[in-house]
Amino acid sequence: MPNDIDEKIISLRVFMPESLRNNFKAVCAKQGKNMSEVVSEFVTNYVANYEENSPKPDKGKGTA
């Protein structure tokens, strides 16, 4: 996650079963983290993994 202090922080609403939310909250607390930290870390890793594994466009090759 970018550590730019000027980066605007937004909210993200997620729908899930209450029991999953409660379990997630408990696990985060046991790790000494809050849910926002864990979700932000997950999304950062998810995006990085996508970018690493997605095909890159061939530069310099035109279409015929």
C-alpha atoms as a PDB file:
ATOM      1  CA  MET A   1       0.000   0.000   0.000  1.00  0.00           C
ATOM      2  CA  PRO A   2       1.397   3.407  -0.874  1.00  0.00           C
ATOM      3  CA  ASN A   3       2.556   5.290   2.202  1.00  0.00           C
ATOM      4  CA  ASP A   4       1.857   8.697   0.696  1.00  0.00           C
ATOM      5  CA  ILE A   5       0.658  10.852   3.589  1.00  0.00           C
ATOM      6  CA  ASP A   6      -1.349  13.022   1.179  1.00  0.00           C
ATOM      7  CA  GLU A   7      -3.229  10.000  -0.213  1.00  0.00           C
ATOM      8  CA  LYS A   8      -6.969  10.359   0.306  1.00  0.00           C
ATOM      9  CA  ILE A   9      -8.438   7.587   2.448  1.00  0.00           C
ATOM     10  CA  ILE A  10     -11.825   6.266   1.351  1.00  0.00           C
ATOM     11  CA  SER A  11     -14.283   3.782   2.808  1.00  0.00           C
ATOM     12  CA  LEU A  12     -15.156   0.433   1.262  1.00  0.00           C
ATOM     13  CA  ARG A  13     -18.414  -1.299   2.053  1.00  0.00           C
ATOM     14  CA  VAL A  14     -18.369  -5.089   1.934  1.00  0.00           C
ATOM     15  CA  PHE A  15     -21.306  -7.450   2.371  1.00  0.00           C
ATOM     16  CA  MET A  16     -20.667 -10.798   4.059  1.00  0.00           C
ATOM     17  CA  PRO A  17     -22.303 -13.085   6.600  1.00  0.00           C
ATOM     18  CA  GLU A  18     -22.239 -11.719  10.122  1.00  0.00           C
ATOM     19  CA  SER A  19     -20.455 -14.822  11.414  1.00  0.00           C
ATOM     20  CA  LEU A  20     -17.619 -14.329   8.899  1.00  0.00           C
ATOM     21  CA  ARG A  21     -17.284 -10.689   9.922  1.00  0.00           C
ATOM     22  CA  ASN A  22     -17.175 -11.646  13.596  1.00  0.00           C
ATOM     23  CA  ASN A  23     -14.546 -14.333  12.994  1.00  0.00           C
ATOM     24  CA  PHE A  24     -12.494 -11.941  10.855  1.00  0.00           C
ATOM     25  CA  LYS A  25     -12.656  -9.257  13.540  1.00  0.00           C
ATOM     26  CA  ALA A  26     -11.561 -11.743  16.224  1.00  0.00           C
ATOM     27  CA  VAL A  27      -8.600 -13.003  14.167  1.00  0.00           C
ATOM     28  CA  CYS A  28      -7.505  -9.433  13.416  1.00  0.00           C
ATOM     29  CA  ALA A  29      -7.669  -8.562  17.115  1.00  0.00           C
ATOM     30  CA  LYS A  30      -5.572 -11.626  18.014  1.00  0.00           C
ATOM     31  CA  GLN A  31      -2.965 -10.384  15.536  1.00  0.00           C
ATOM     32  CA  GLY A  32      -3.049  -6.868  16.990  1.00  0.00           C
ATOM     33  CA  LYS A  33      -4.365  -5.429  13.728  1.00  0.00           C
ATOM     34  CA  ASN A  34      -7.593  -3.753  12.769  1.00  0.00           C
ATOM     35  CA  MET A  35      -9.813  -4.984   9.948  1.00  0.00           C
ATOM     36  CA  SER A  36      -8.956  -2.034   7.705  1.00  0.00           C
ATOM     37  CA  GLU A  37      -5.243  -2.814   7.897  1.00  0.00           C
ATOM     38  CA  VAL A  38      -5.793  -6.441   6.951  1.00  0.00           C
ATOM     39  CA  VAL A  39      -8.186  -5.662   4.092  1.00  0.00           C
ATOM     40  CA  SER A  40      -5.846  -2.968   2.733  1.00  0.00           C
ATOM     41  CA  GLU A  41      -2.926  -5.408   2.853  1.00  0.00           C
ATOM     42  CA  PHE A  42      -5.004  -8.066   1.083  1.00  0.00           C
ATOM     43  CA  VAL A  43      -6.099  -5.675  -1.685  1.00  0.00           C
ATOM     44  CA  THR A  44      -2.535  -4.420  -2.163  1.00  0.00           C
ATOM     45  CA  ASN A  45      -1.265  -7.999  -2.540  1.00  0.00           C
ATOM     46  CA  TYR A  46      -4.190  -8.965  -4.785  1.00  0.00           C
ATOM     47  CA  VAL A  47      -3.517  -6.077  -7.169  1.00  0.00           C
ATOM     48  CA  ALA A  48       0.248  -6.736  -7.183  1.00  0.00           C
ATOM     49  CA  ASN A  49      -0.357 -10.426  -7.944  1.00  0.00           C
ATOM     50  CA  TYR A  50      -2.674  -9.528 -10.818  1.00  0.00           C
ATOM     51  CA  GLU A  51      -0.161  -7.081 -12.256  1.00  0.00           C
ATOM     52  CA  GLU A  52       2.657  -9.650 -12.023  1.00  0.00           C
ATOM     53  CA  ASN A  53       0.625 -12.404 -13.685  1.00  0.00           C
ATOM     54  CA  SER A  54      -1.333 -10.520 -16.331  1.00  0.00           C
ATOM     55  CA  PRO A  55      -0.061 -10.570 -19.911  1.00  0.00           C
ATOM     56  CA  LYS A  56       1.863  -7.499 -20.909  1.00  0.00           C
ATOM     57  CA  PRO A  57       1.000  -5.819 -24.227  1.00  0.00           C
ATOM     58  CA  ASP A  58       3.692  -6.200 -26.885  1.00  0.00           C
ATOM     59  CA  LYS A  59       5.149  -2.771 -27.548  1.00  0.00           C
ATOM     60  CA  GLY A  60       6.366  -2.064 -31.038  1.00  0.00           C
ATOM     61  CA  LYS A  61       4.205  -4.689 -32.708  1.00  0.00           C
ATOM     62  CA  GLY A  62       1.480  -3.212 -34.816  1.00  0.00           C
ATOM     63  CA  THR A  63      -1.677  -4.862 -35.981  1.00  0.00           C
ATOM     64  CA  ALA A  64      -1.791  -6.025 -39.601  1.00  0.00           C
END
